[in-house]
Amino acid sequence: MSHRTCVLLLLSAAVVALSGVDGGRSEGPRGVALGFVFDPKAQCEPQCAHGGVCIRNNTCYCSRGYEGENCQVATCFPKCKNGGMCLRPGKCRCQPGYGGRYCHKVTCDGGCWNGGECTAVNGVPRCICPSSWTGTRCQEALCPQGCRNGGVCMAPGICSCPDGWMGGACHTAVCTLPCLHGGKCISPGKCRCRPPYSGARCEEKKKTF
């Protein structure tokens, strides 16, 4: 038995069932009229899609989940959100940046790192970062004190310093051989000496005559 035949039988059964509705105690004819007239010889061009049945010329009776003149439009309930398109009943195709069965979830490409939260800002998905992180994915740590002399912020408040520098902001120079006689290391391997001393390590004392 074809799908069309099954649907036609169901429609006929509906007519029979509705014709028996009691309208009162009268012994006269009883029943109600359906909202459409079914014609078994009806033809529809183009044909009814997605299992729809032609009930009279160019009029389709659509299967659940479809609508339109020829049952060509799928319907989703709830409706697809955020610009999504209903592909078939209950299945949405989402715009970039959105996901979930009904495109109701905001998704950021690559995800949000380090505790960042993906949300829509003026309709555009973006990561909202904790105070100690920044970047499109919250992938860049913030060092409020700054990282000097070529240092790189590796974690919140923590700098990775190049050779020859140390300290929270890479601000302290390192002299492998310490400066002598009160000298101060001002850059890697370089001392600033106090008079009357000089030399790479402030090891030489100027002679006085």
N, C-alpha and C. Protein backbone atom coordinates (compact mmCIF):
# COMPACT_ATOMS: atom_id res chain seq x y z
N MET A 1 0.85 -1.20 0.00
CA MET A 1 0.00 0.00 0.00
C MET A 1 0.89 1.25 0.00
N SER A 2 0.63 2.17 -0.92
CA SER A 2 1.46 3.35 -1.06
C SER A 2 1.20 4.34 0.07
N HIS A 3 2.17 5.26 0.25
CA HIS A 3 2.02 6.30 1.27
C HIS A 3 0.79 7.16 1.00
N ARG A 4 0.55 7.49 -0.28
CA ARG A 4 -0.62 8.31 -0.63
C ARG A 4 -1.91 7.61 -0.23
N THR A 5 -1.97 6.30 -0.50
CA THR A 5 -3.19 5.55 -0.17
C THR A 5 -3.43 5.55 1.33
N CYS A 6 -2.32 5.39 2.13
CA CYS A 6 -2.46 5.37 3.59
C CYS A 6 -3.00 6.70 4.10
N VAL A 7 -2.45 7.80 3.56
CA VAL A 7 -2.89 9.12 4.00
C VAL A 7 -4.34 9.35 3.62
N LEU A 8 -4.72 8.91 2.41
CA LEU A 8 -6.10 9.07 1.98
C LEU A 8 -7.07 8.31 2.89
N LEU A 9 -6.67 7.10 3.32
CA LEU A 9 -7.51 6.33 4.21
C LEU A 9 -7.67 7.01 5.56
N LEU A 10 -6.56 7.61 6.04
CA LEU A 10 -6.61 8.32 7.32
C LEU A 10 -7.52 9.53 7.22
N LEU A 11 -7.45 10.26 6.10
CA LEU A 11 -8.31 11.41 5.91
C LEU A 11 -9.78 11.00 5.85
N SER A 12 -10.05 9.88 5.16
CA SER A 12 -11.42 9.38 5.07
C SER A 12 -11.94 8.99 6.45
N ALA A 13 -11.07 8.36 7.25
CA ALA A 13 -11.46 7.97 8.61
C ALA A 13 -11.78 9.19 9.45
N ALA A 14 -11.04 10.30 9.22
CA ALA A 14 -11.30 11.52 9.97
C ALA A 14 -12.68 12.06 9.63
N VAL A 15 -13.06 11.99 8.35
CA VAL A 15 -14.38 12.46 7.93
C VAL A 15 -15.47 11.65 8.60
N VAL A 16 -15.29 10.31 8.63
CA VAL A 16 -16.28 9.44 9.24
C VAL A 16 -16.42 9.72 10.72
N ALA A 17 -15.26 9.91 11.40
CA ALA A 17 -15.28 10.14 12.84
C ALA A 17 -15.98 11.45 13.17
N LEU A 18 -15.68 12.48 12.39
CA LEU A 18 -16.25 13.79 12.66
C LEU A 18 -17.75 13.82 12.36
N SER A 19 -18.21 12.99 11.43
CA SER A 19 -19.64 12.99 11.06
C SER A 19 -20.51 12.44 12.17
N GLY A 20 -19.93 11.79 13.17
CA GLY A 20 -20.72 11.21 14.24
C GLY A 20 -20.80 12.07 15.47
N VAL A 21 -20.36 13.32 15.41
CA VAL A 21 -20.40 14.19 16.59
C VAL A 21 -21.83 14.54 16.92
N ASP A 22 -22.26 14.33 18.18
CA ASP A 22 -23.65 14.55 18.61
C ASP A 22 -23.91 16.02 18.73
N GLY A 23 -24.87 16.54 18.01
CA GLY A 23 -25.22 17.95 18.07
C GLY A 23 -26.42 18.21 18.96
N GLY A 24 -26.98 17.23 19.69
CA GLY A 24 -28.13 17.42 20.56
C GLY A 24 -29.02 16.19 20.49
N ARG A 25 -30.33 16.34 20.87
CA ARG A 25 -31.27 15.21 20.91
C ARG A 25 -32.07 15.06 19.63
N SER A 26 -31.84 15.93 18.68
CA SER A 26 -32.60 15.86 17.43
C SER A 26 -32.31 14.55 16.71
N GLU A 27 -33.33 14.00 16.06
CA GLU A 27 -33.17 12.76 15.31
C GLU A 27 -32.74 13.02 13.88
N GLY A 28 -32.55 14.32 13.51
CA GLY A 28 -32.16 14.65 12.15
C GLY A 28 -30.69 14.37 11.90
N PRO A 29 -30.22 14.64 10.67
CA PRO A 29 -28.81 14.41 10.32
C PRO A 29 -27.88 15.19 11.25
N ARG A 30 -26.77 14.57 11.60
CA ARG A 30 -25.81 15.21 12.48
C ARG A 30 -24.42 15.12 11.86
N GLY A 31 -23.51 16.00 12.28
CA GLY A 31 -22.14 15.96 11.80
C GLY A 31 -21.57 17.34 11.62
N VAL A 32 -20.29 17.41 11.28
CA VAL A 32 -19.59 18.68 11.04
C VAL A 32 -18.86 18.58 9.73
N ALA A 33 -18.55 19.72 9.14
CA ALA A 33 -17.83 19.76 7.86
C ALA A 33 -16.34 20.00 8.10
N LEU A 34 -15.50 19.32 7.38
CA LEU A 34 -14.05 19.55 7.47
C LEU A 34 -13.69 20.83 6.74
N GLY A 35 -12.49 21.34 7.05
CA GLY A 35 -12.06 22.60 6.45
C GLY A 35 -11.60 22.47 5.02
N PHE A 36 -11.51 21.25 4.49
CA PHE A 36 -11.11 21.10 3.09
C PHE A 36 -11.95 20.01 2.43
N VAL A 37 -12.02 20.08 1.13
CA VAL A 37 -12.74 19.08 0.34
C VAL A 37 -11.72 18.17 -0.32
N PHE A 38 -11.83 16.87 -0.08
CA PHE A 38 -10.86 15.93 -0.61
C PHE A 38 -11.31 15.39 -1.96
N ASP A 39 -10.41 15.45 -2.92
CA ASP A 39 -10.70 14.94 -4.26
C ASP A 39 -9.67 13.87 -4.60
N PRO A 40 -10.07 12.60 -4.65
CA PRO A 40 -9.09 11.53 -4.92
C PRO A 40 -8.48 11.62 -6.31
N LYS A 41 -9.07 12.39 -7.21
CA LYS A 41 -8.52 12.53 -8.56
C LYS A 41 -7.72 13.82 -8.72
N ALA A 42 -7.49 14.53 -7.62
CA ALA A 42 -6.80 15.81 -7.70
C ALA A 42 -5.36 15.64 -8.17
N GLN A 43 -4.85 16.67 -8.83
CA GLN A 43 -3.47 16.69 -9.30
C GLN A 43 -2.80 17.98 -8.85
N CYS A 44 -1.55 17.86 -8.44
CA CYS A 44 -0.78 19.02 -7.99
C CYS A 44 0.50 19.12 -8.82
N GLU A 45 0.76 20.31 -9.33
CA GLU A 45 1.98 20.58 -10.08
C GLU A 45 2.62 21.87 -9.53
N PRO A 46 3.86 21.81 -9.04
CA PRO A 46 4.65 20.59 -8.85
C PRO A 46 4.05 19.69 -7.77
N GLN A 47 4.51 18.45 -7.75
CA GLN A 47 3.96 17.48 -6.82
C GLN A 47 4.27 17.86 -5.38
N CYS A 48 3.43 17.37 -4.49
CA CYS A 48 3.64 17.63 -3.06
C CYS A 48 4.91 16.91 -2.60
N ALA A 49 5.75 17.64 -1.88
CA ALA A 49 7.04 17.10 -1.44
C ALA A 49 6.94 16.52 -0.03
N HIS A 50 7.98 15.77 0.35
CA HIS A 50 8.17 15.27 1.72
C HIS A 50 6.93 14.54 2.25
N GLY A 51 6.33 13.70 1.41
CA GLY A 51 5.22 12.88 1.87
C GLY A 51 3.89 13.58 1.90
N GLY A 52 3.81 14.81 1.39
CA GLY A 52 2.53 15.51 1.34
C GLY A 52 1.59 14.85 0.33
N VAL A 53 0.28 15.05 0.51
CA VAL A 53 -0.74 14.42 -0.34
C VAL A 53 -1.58 15.50 -1.02
N CYS A 54 -1.80 15.32 -2.31
CA CYS A 54 -2.62 16.25 -3.08
C CYS A 54 -4.10 15.97 -2.78
N ILE A 55 -4.78 16.90 -2.09
CA ILE A 55 -6.17 16.67 -1.68
C ILE A 55 -7.18 17.30 -2.64
N ARG A 56 -6.75 18.31 -3.37
CA ARG A 56 -7.52 18.85 -4.49
C ARG A 56 -6.54 19.55 -5.40
N ASN A 57 -6.95 19.93 -6.56
CA ASN A 57 -6.02 20.45 -7.56
C ASN A 57 -5.13 21.55 -6.98
N ASN A 58 -3.80 21.29 -7.08
CA ASN A 58 -2.78 22.24 -6.64
C ASN A 58 -2.93 22.66 -5.18
N THR A 59 -3.42 21.74 -4.37
CA THR A 59 -3.51 21.98 -2.93
C THR A 59 -2.98 20.74 -2.22
N CYS A 60 -1.93 20.93 -1.42
CA CYS A 60 -1.28 19.81 -0.74
C CYS A 60 -1.66 19.77 0.74
N TYR A 61 -1.77 18.55 1.25
CA TYR A 61 -1.90 18.31 2.68
C TYR A 61 -0.54 17.81 3.16
N CYS A 62 0.14 18.60 3.98
CA CYS A 62 1.56 18.34 4.30
C CYS A 62 1.72 17.40 5.49
N SER A 63 2.81 16.64 5.44
CA SER A 63 3.18 15.82 6.59
C SER A 63 3.65 16.72 7.72
N ARG A 64 3.62 16.18 8.93
CA ARG A 64 4.05 16.95 10.08
C ARG A 64 5.52 17.36 9.92
N GLY A 65 5.79 18.61 10.18
CA GLY A 65 7.16 19.10 10.08
C GLY A 65 7.43 19.83 8.78
N TYR A 66 6.43 19.94 7.89
CA TYR A 66 6.62 20.63 6.62
C TYR A 66 5.43 21.55 6.35
N GLU A 67 5.69 22.59 5.59
CA GLU A 67 4.65 23.54 5.22
C GLU A 67 5.00 24.14 3.87
N GLY A 68 4.16 25.06 3.39
CA GLY A 68 4.36 25.66 2.08
C GLY A 68 3.37 25.10 1.07
N GLU A 69 3.25 25.76 -0.08
CA GLU A 69 2.28 25.35 -1.09
C GLU A 69 2.49 23.92 -1.54
N ASN A 70 3.74 23.50 -1.59
CA ASN A 70 4.03 22.13 -2.03
C ASN A 70 4.74 21.33 -0.94
N CYS A 71 4.57 21.78 0.33
CA CYS A 71 5.19 21.09 1.46
C CYS A 71 6.71 21.08 1.33
N GLN A 72 7.25 22.13 0.71
CA GLN A 72 8.68 22.17 0.43
C GLN A 72 9.51 22.80 1.55
N VAL A 73 8.83 23.38 2.54
CA VAL A 73 9.54 24.11 3.60
C VAL A 73 9.50 23.31 4.89
N ALA A 74 10.69 22.98 5.42
CA ALA A 74 10.77 22.28 6.70
C ALA A 74 10.53 23.26 7.84
N THR A 75 9.92 22.78 8.91
CA THR A 75 9.68 23.62 10.08
C THR A 75 10.36 23.02 11.30
N CYS A 76 10.92 23.88 12.13
CA CYS A 76 11.58 23.46 13.37
C CYS A 76 10.86 24.10 14.55
N PHE A 77 10.65 23.33 15.58
CA PHE A 77 10.05 23.86 16.80
C PHE A 77 10.84 23.38 18.00
N PRO A 78 11.38 24.30 18.82
CA PRO A 78 11.35 25.75 18.63
C PRO A 78 12.04 26.17 17.33
N LYS A 79 11.77 27.39 16.89
CA LYS A 79 12.36 27.88 15.66
C LYS A 79 13.87 28.03 15.82
N CYS A 80 14.59 27.93 14.69
CA CYS A 80 16.04 28.13 14.70
C CYS A 80 16.33 29.58 15.11
N LYS A 81 17.27 29.74 15.99
CA LYS A 81 17.60 31.06 16.51
C LYS A 81 18.86 31.61 15.85
N ASN A 82 19.10 32.89 16.07
CA ASN A 82 20.32 33.56 15.64
C ASN A 82 20.63 33.36 14.15
N GLY A 83 19.59 33.45 13.33
CA GLY A 83 19.79 33.36 11.89
C GLY A 83 19.94 31.97 11.35
N GLY A 84 19.69 30.94 12.16
CA GLY A 84 19.80 29.56 11.69
C GLY A 84 18.68 29.21 10.71
N MET A 85 18.92 28.19 9.88
CA MET A 85 17.96 27.76 8.86
C MET A 85 17.53 26.32 9.15
N CYS A 86 16.21 26.09 9.08
CA CYS A 86 15.67 24.75 9.32
C CYS A 86 15.91 23.88 8.07
N LEU A 87 16.72 22.83 8.21
CA LEU A 87 17.03 21.93 7.10
C LEU A 87 15.98 20.83 6.95
N ARG A 88 15.57 20.29 8.08
CA ARG A 88 14.53 19.28 8.13
C ARG A 88 13.91 19.38 9.52
N PRO A 89 12.75 18.78 9.75
CA PRO A 89 12.08 18.95 11.04
C PRO A 89 13.01 18.68 12.22
N GLY A 90 13.19 19.69 13.06
CA GLY A 90 14.02 19.55 14.25
C GLY A 90 15.51 19.67 14.01
N LYS A 91 15.95 20.01 12.79
CA LYS A 91 17.37 20.09 12.48
C LYS A 91 17.68 21.45 11.87
N CYS A 92 18.49 22.24 12.57
CA CYS A 92 18.85 23.58 12.10
C CYS A 92 20.28 23.61 11.57
N ARG A 93 20.50 24.45 10.56
CA ARG A 93 21.86 24.76 10.13
C ARG A 93 22.18 26.14 10.67
N CYS A 94 23.22 26.22 11.49
CA CYS A 94 23.51 27.44 12.24
C CYS A 94 24.49 28.36 11.51
N GLN A 95 24.36 29.63 11.80
CA GLN A 95 25.32 30.62 11.32
C GLN A 95 26.64 30.44 12.06
N PRO A 96 27.78 30.88 11.45
CA PRO A 96 29.07 30.79 12.16
C PRO A 96 28.98 31.48 13.51
N GLY A 97 29.52 30.83 14.52
CA GLY A 97 29.51 31.41 15.85
C GLY A 97 28.39 30.90 16.74
N TYR A 98 27.51 30.04 16.16
CA TYR A 98 26.40 29.52 16.95
C TYR A 98 26.30 28.01 16.77
N GLY A 99 25.78 27.34 17.79
CA GLY A 99 25.64 25.89 17.74
C GLY A 99 24.46 25.45 18.58
N GLY A 100 24.37 24.13 18.80
CA GLY A 100 23.23 23.58 19.51
C GLY A 100 22.14 23.18 18.53
N ARG A 101 21.17 22.40 19.01
CA ARG A 101 20.13 21.87 18.13
C ARG A 101 19.34 22.98 17.46
N TYR A 102 19.14 24.08 18.16
CA TYR A 102 18.35 25.17 17.61
C TYR A 102 19.18 26.46 17.47
N CYS A 103 20.52 26.30 17.37
CA CYS A 103 21.43 27.43 17.18
C CYS A 103 21.31 28.43 18.34
N HIS A 104 21.00 27.93 19.51
CA HIS A 104 20.80 28.80 20.66
C HIS A 104 22.07 29.00 21.49
N LYS A 105 23.12 28.24 21.15
CA LYS A 105 24.36 28.36 21.90
C LYS A 105 25.39 29.18 21.12
N VAL A 106 26.05 30.09 21.81
CA VAL A 106 27.10 30.88 21.20
C VAL A 106 28.40 30.08 21.25
N THR A 107 29.11 29.98 20.14
CA THR A 107 30.37 29.25 20.08
C THR A 107 31.45 30.14 19.50
N CYS A 108 32.60 30.15 20.16
CA CYS A 108 33.75 30.92 19.69
C CYS A 108 34.74 29.99 19.02
N ASP A 109 35.20 30.35 17.84
CA ASP A 109 36.12 29.53 17.08
C ASP A 109 37.38 29.26 17.90
N GLY A 110 37.67 27.99 18.13
CA GLY A 110 38.84 27.63 18.92
C GLY A 110 38.59 27.61 20.41
N GLY A 111 37.41 28.05 20.85
CA GLY A 111 37.10 28.05 22.27
C GLY A 111 37.74 29.22 23.01
N CYS A 112 37.36 29.38 24.26
CA CYS A 112 37.93 30.42 25.12
C CYS A 112 38.80 29.75 26.18
N TRP A 113 40.03 30.21 26.32
CA TRP A 113 40.98 29.59 27.23
C TRP A 113 41.00 30.31 28.57
N ASN A 114 41.64 29.65 29.53
CA ASN A 114 41.96 30.25 30.83
C ASN A 114 40.75 30.90 31.52
N GLY A 115 39.62 30.21 31.45
CA GLY A 115 38.44 30.69 32.15
C GLY A 115 37.63 31.72 31.40
N GLY A 116 37.96 31.97 30.14
CA GLY A 116 37.18 32.93 29.35
C GLY A 116 35.79 32.39 29.05
N GLU A 117 34.84 33.28 28.83
CA GLU A 117 33.45 32.89 28.56
C GLU A 117 33.03 33.41 27.19
N CYS A 118 32.49 32.51 26.37
CA CYS A 118 32.04 32.88 25.02
C CYS A 118 30.64 33.48 25.11
N THR A 119 30.48 34.67 24.57
CA THR A 119 29.17 35.33 24.57
C THR A 119 29.05 36.16 23.30
N ALA A 120 27.83 36.58 22.98
CA ALA A 120 27.60 37.39 21.79
C ALA A 120 27.61 38.87 22.18
N VAL A 121 28.48 39.63 21.53
CA VAL A 121 28.56 41.07 21.76
C VAL A 121 28.15 41.76 20.46
N ASN A 122 27.00 42.43 20.50
CA ASN A 122 26.44 43.05 19.29
C ASN A 122 26.26 42.03 18.17
N GLY A 123 25.88 40.81 18.55
CA GLY A 123 25.64 39.75 17.58
C GLY A 123 26.88 39.01 17.12
N VAL A 124 28.05 39.38 17.65
CA VAL A 124 29.31 38.75 17.24
C VAL A 124 29.86 37.93 18.41
N PRO A 125 30.09 36.61 18.21
CA PRO A 125 30.64 35.79 19.29
C PRO A 125 32.06 36.24 19.63
N ARG A 126 32.34 36.38 20.92
CA ARG A 126 33.69 36.73 21.35
C ARG A 126 33.90 36.23 22.77
N CYS A 127 35.17 36.10 23.13
CA CYS A 127 35.54 35.63 24.47
C CYS A 127 35.64 36.82 25.43
N ILE A 128 34.98 36.68 26.56
CA ILE A 128 35.13 37.65 27.64
C ILE A 128 36.12 37.05 28.63
N CYS A 129 37.25 37.73 28.79
CA CYS A 129 38.37 37.15 29.54
C CYS A 129 38.39 37.60 31.00
N PRO A 130 38.94 36.75 31.89
CA PRO A 130 39.20 37.19 33.27
C PRO A 130 40.19 38.35 33.26
N SER A 131 40.28 39.05 34.37
CA SER A 131 41.10 40.27 34.42
C SER A 131 42.58 40.03 34.16
N SER A 132 43.05 38.80 34.35
CA SER A 132 44.48 38.52 34.20
C SER A 132 44.85 37.96 32.83
N TRP A 133 43.87 37.91 31.90
CA TRP A 133 44.14 37.36 30.57
C TRP A 133 43.52 38.26 29.50
N THR A 134 44.08 38.19 28.29
CA THR A 134 43.56 38.97 27.17
C THR A 134 43.78 38.18 25.88
N GLY A 135 43.41 38.76 24.74
CA GLY A 135 43.54 38.08 23.46
C GLY A 135 42.20 37.55 22.98
N THR A 136 42.12 37.18 21.70
CA THR A 136 40.86 36.72 21.13
C THR A 136 40.35 35.45 21.79
N ARG A 137 41.27 34.64 22.34
CA ARG A 137 40.88 33.42 23.04
C ARG A 137 41.26 33.44 24.51
N CYS A 138 41.62 34.61 25.00
CA CYS A 138 42.11 34.74 26.39
C CYS A 138 43.40 33.94 26.57
N GLN A 139 44.23 33.94 25.52
CA GLN A 139 45.45 33.15 25.54
C GLN A 139 46.68 33.93 26.00
N GLU A 140 46.54 35.24 26.14
CA GLU A 140 47.70 36.07 26.51
C GLU A 140 47.58 36.53 27.96
N ALA A 141 48.61 36.19 28.75
CA ALA A 141 48.61 36.60 30.15
C ALA A 141 48.93 38.09 30.27
N LEU A 142 48.46 38.68 31.35
CA LEU A 142 48.74 40.09 31.62
C LEU A 142 49.67 40.22 32.82
N CYS A 143 50.69 41.05 32.66
CA CYS A 143 51.61 41.37 33.75
C CYS A 143 51.48 42.86 34.03
N PRO A 144 50.76 43.25 35.08
CA PRO A 144 50.54 44.67 35.35
C PRO A 144 51.83 45.46 35.51
N GLN A 145 52.87 44.81 36.01
CA GLN A 145 54.13 45.51 36.23
C GLN A 145 54.95 45.68 34.95
N GLY A 146 54.53 44.98 33.89
CA GLY A 146 55.28 45.03 32.64
C GLY A 146 56.49 44.11 32.69
N CYS A 147 56.95 43.71 31.53
CA CYS A 147 58.16 42.89 31.42
C CYS A 147 59.18 43.68 30.61
N ARG A 148 60.27 44.09 31.23
CA ARG A 148 61.25 44.95 30.58
C ARG A 148 62.37 44.12 29.93
N ASN A 149 63.18 44.84 29.18
CA ASN A 149 64.42 44.29 28.62
C ASN A 149 64.20 42.98 27.86
N GLY A 150 63.10 42.91 27.10
CA GLY A 150 62.86 41.73 26.28
C GLY A 150 62.16 40.60 27.00
N GLY A 151 61.70 40.84 28.22
CA GLY A 151 60.99 39.80 28.95
C GLY A 151 59.60 39.56 28.35
N VAL A 152 59.06 38.36 28.56
CA VAL A 152 57.75 37.98 28.04
C VAL A 152 56.86 37.53 29.19
N CYS A 153 55.62 38.03 29.21
CA CYS A 153 54.65 37.64 30.24
C CYS A 153 54.16 36.23 29.94
N MET A 154 54.47 35.30 30.81
CA MET A 154 54.13 33.89 30.60
C MET A 154 52.89 33.46 31.37
N ALA A 155 52.63 34.09 32.48
CA ALA A 155 51.47 33.81 33.32
C ALA A 155 51.13 35.10 34.04
N PRO A 156 49.91 35.22 34.53
CA PRO A 156 49.54 36.47 35.18
C PRO A 156 50.56 36.93 36.23
N GLY A 157 51.18 38.09 35.97
CA GLY A 157 52.13 38.66 36.91
C GLY A 157 53.50 38.02 36.89
N ILE A 158 53.75 37.09 35.97
CA ILE A 158 55.04 36.38 35.95
C ILE A 158 55.71 36.57 34.59
N CYS A 159 56.92 37.15 34.62
CA CYS A 159 57.69 37.38 33.39
C CYS A 159 58.74 36.30 33.19
N SER A 160 58.94 35.93 31.95
CA SER A 160 60.07 35.07 31.58
C SER A 160 61.16 35.98 31.04
N CYS A 161 62.30 36.00 31.73
CA CYS A 161 63.35 36.97 31.41
C CYS A 161 64.44 36.36 30.52
N PRO A 162 65.01 37.15 29.63
CA PRO A 162 66.15 36.66 28.84
C PRO A 162 67.40 36.56 29.72
N ASP A 163 68.41 35.87 29.17
CA ASP A 163 69.66 35.74 29.92
C ASP A 163 70.21 37.11 30.27
N GLY A 164 70.68 37.25 31.48
CA GLY A 164 71.29 38.51 31.91
C GLY A 164 70.33 39.41 32.68
N TRP A 165 69.06 38.98 32.80
CA TRP A 165 68.09 39.79 33.53
C TRP A 165 67.27 38.91 34.47
N MET A 166 66.80 39.51 35.53
CA MET A 166 65.99 38.79 36.50
C MET A 166 65.05 39.78 37.19
N GLY A 167 64.21 39.25 38.08
CA GLY A 167 63.27 40.10 38.81
C GLY A 167 61.87 39.98 38.25
N GLY A 168 60.89 40.46 39.03
CA GLY A 168 59.49 40.36 38.63
C GLY A 168 59.19 41.01 37.31
N ALA A 169 59.92 42.06 36.95
CA ALA A 169 59.71 42.76 35.68
C ALA A 169 60.94 42.67 34.78
N CYS A 170 61.83 41.72 35.06
CA CYS A 170 63.08 41.58 34.29
C CYS A 170 63.87 42.90 34.33
N HIS A 171 63.83 43.54 35.49
CA HIS A 171 64.45 44.87 35.61
C HIS A 171 65.81 44.84 36.29
N THR A 172 66.21 43.68 36.79
CA THR A 172 67.48 43.58 37.51
C THR A 172 68.51 42.87 36.64
N ALA A 173 69.62 43.59 36.35
CA ALA A 173 70.68 43.01 35.53
C ALA A 173 71.46 41.98 36.34
N VAL A 174 72.02 41.02 35.62
CA VAL A 174 72.80 39.96 36.26
C VAL A 174 74.23 40.02 35.73
N CYS A 175 75.18 40.14 36.63
CA CYS A 175 76.61 40.07 36.27
C CYS A 175 77.13 38.74 36.80
N THR A 176 77.58 37.89 35.89
CA THR A 176 78.04 36.55 36.30
C THR A 176 79.13 36.65 37.35
N LEU A 177 80.06 37.57 37.11
CA LEU A 177 81.09 37.86 38.11
C LEU A 177 80.66 39.12 38.85
N PRO A 178 80.50 39.06 40.15
CA PRO A 178 79.96 40.19 40.89
C PRO A 178 80.83 41.44 40.80
N CYS A 179 80.16 42.59 40.91
CA CYS A 179 80.88 43.87 40.92
C CYS A 179 81.52 44.06 42.30
N LEU A 180 82.72 44.57 42.31
CA LEU A 180 83.49 44.72 43.55
C LEU A 180 83.45 46.16 44.05
N HIS A 181 83.84 46.33 45.31
CA HIS A 181 84.02 47.64 45.94
C HIS A 181 82.81 48.56 45.79
N GLY A 182 81.62 47.96 46.00
CA GLY A 182 80.42 48.77 45.97
C GLY A 182 79.89 49.07 44.59
N GLY A 183 80.46 48.47 43.56
CA GLY A 183 79.97 48.67 42.19
C GLY A 183 78.58 48.06 42.01
N LYS A 184 77.84 48.55 41.02
CA LYS A 184 76.48 48.07 40.77
C LYS A 184 76.36 47.53 39.36
N CYS A 185 75.72 46.38 39.25
CA CYS A 185 75.51 45.76 37.93
C CYS A 185 74.36 46.50 37.26
N ILE A 186 74.65 47.17 36.14
CA ILE A 186 73.63 47.98 35.47
C ILE A 186 73.12 47.35 34.18
N SER A 187 73.84 46.40 33.65
CA SER A 187 73.41 45.62 32.49
C SER A 187 74.21 44.33 32.52
N PRO A 188 73.74 43.30 31.78
CA PRO A 188 74.42 42.00 31.87
C PRO A 188 75.93 42.11 31.67
N GLY A 189 76.67 41.73 32.72
CA GLY A 189 78.13 41.72 32.64
C GLY A 189 78.78 43.09 32.73
N LYS A 190 78.02 44.14 33.03
CA LYS A 190 78.60 45.50 33.07
C LYS A 190 78.32 46.14 34.43
N CYS A 191 79.43 46.62 35.04
CA CYS A 191 79.34 47.24 36.35
C CYS A 191 79.48 48.76 36.26
N ARG A 192 78.78 49.46 37.15
CA ARG A 192 79.01 50.89 37.32
C ARG A 192 79.75 51.06 38.63
N CYS A 193 80.94 51.60 38.51
CA CYS A 193 81.86 51.61 39.66
C CYS A 193 81.77 52.91 40.47
N ARG A 194 82.17 52.80 41.72
CA ARG A 194 82.27 53.96 42.59
C ARG A 194 83.73 54.41 42.64
N PRO A 195 83.93 55.71 42.58
CA PRO A 195 85.33 56.20 42.65
C PRO A 195 85.98 55.71 43.95
N PRO A 196 87.23 55.44 43.91
CA PRO A 196 88.17 55.60 42.78
C PRO A 196 88.38 54.31 42.02
N TYR A 197 87.35 53.47 41.91
CA TYR A 197 87.53 52.18 41.28
C TYR A 197 87.03 52.19 39.83
N SER A 198 87.59 51.30 39.05
CA SER A 198 87.22 51.17 37.64
C SER A 198 87.49 49.73 37.20
N GLY A 199 87.26 49.46 35.91
CA GLY A 199 87.46 48.12 35.39
C GLY A 199 86.13 47.40 35.21
N ALA A 200 86.17 46.26 34.54
CA ALA A 200 84.96 45.51 34.24
C ALA A 200 84.21 45.12 35.51
N ARG A 201 84.94 44.85 36.59
CA ARG A 201 84.32 44.46 37.85
C ARG A 201 84.59 45.46 38.96
N CYS A 202 85.08 46.63 38.58
CA CYS A 202 85.46 47.65 39.57
C CYS A 202 86.61 47.14 40.45
N GLU A 203 87.47 46.38 39.82
CA GLU A 203 88.56 45.77 40.60
C GLU A 203 89.82 46.63 40.61
N GLU A 204 89.86 47.65 39.78
CA GLU A 204 91.07 48.48 39.70
C GLU A 204 90.87 49.78 40.45
N LYS A 205 91.85 50.15 41.21
CA LYS A 205 91.81 51.41 41.95
C LYS A 205 92.78 52.38 41.31
N LYS A 206 92.21 53.58 41.03
CA LYS A 206 93.09 54.59 40.41
C LYS A 206 94.15 55.04 41.42
N LYS A 207 95.36 55.19 40.86
CA LYS A 207 96.47 55.62 41.72
C LYS A 207 96.44 57.14 41.89
N THR A 208 96.69 57.55 43.03
CA THR A 208 96.76 58.99 43.31
C THR A 208 98.20 59.36 43.61
N PHE A 209 98.62 60.51 43.13
CA PHE A 209 100.01 60.95 43.34
C PHE A 209 100.03 62.18 44.21
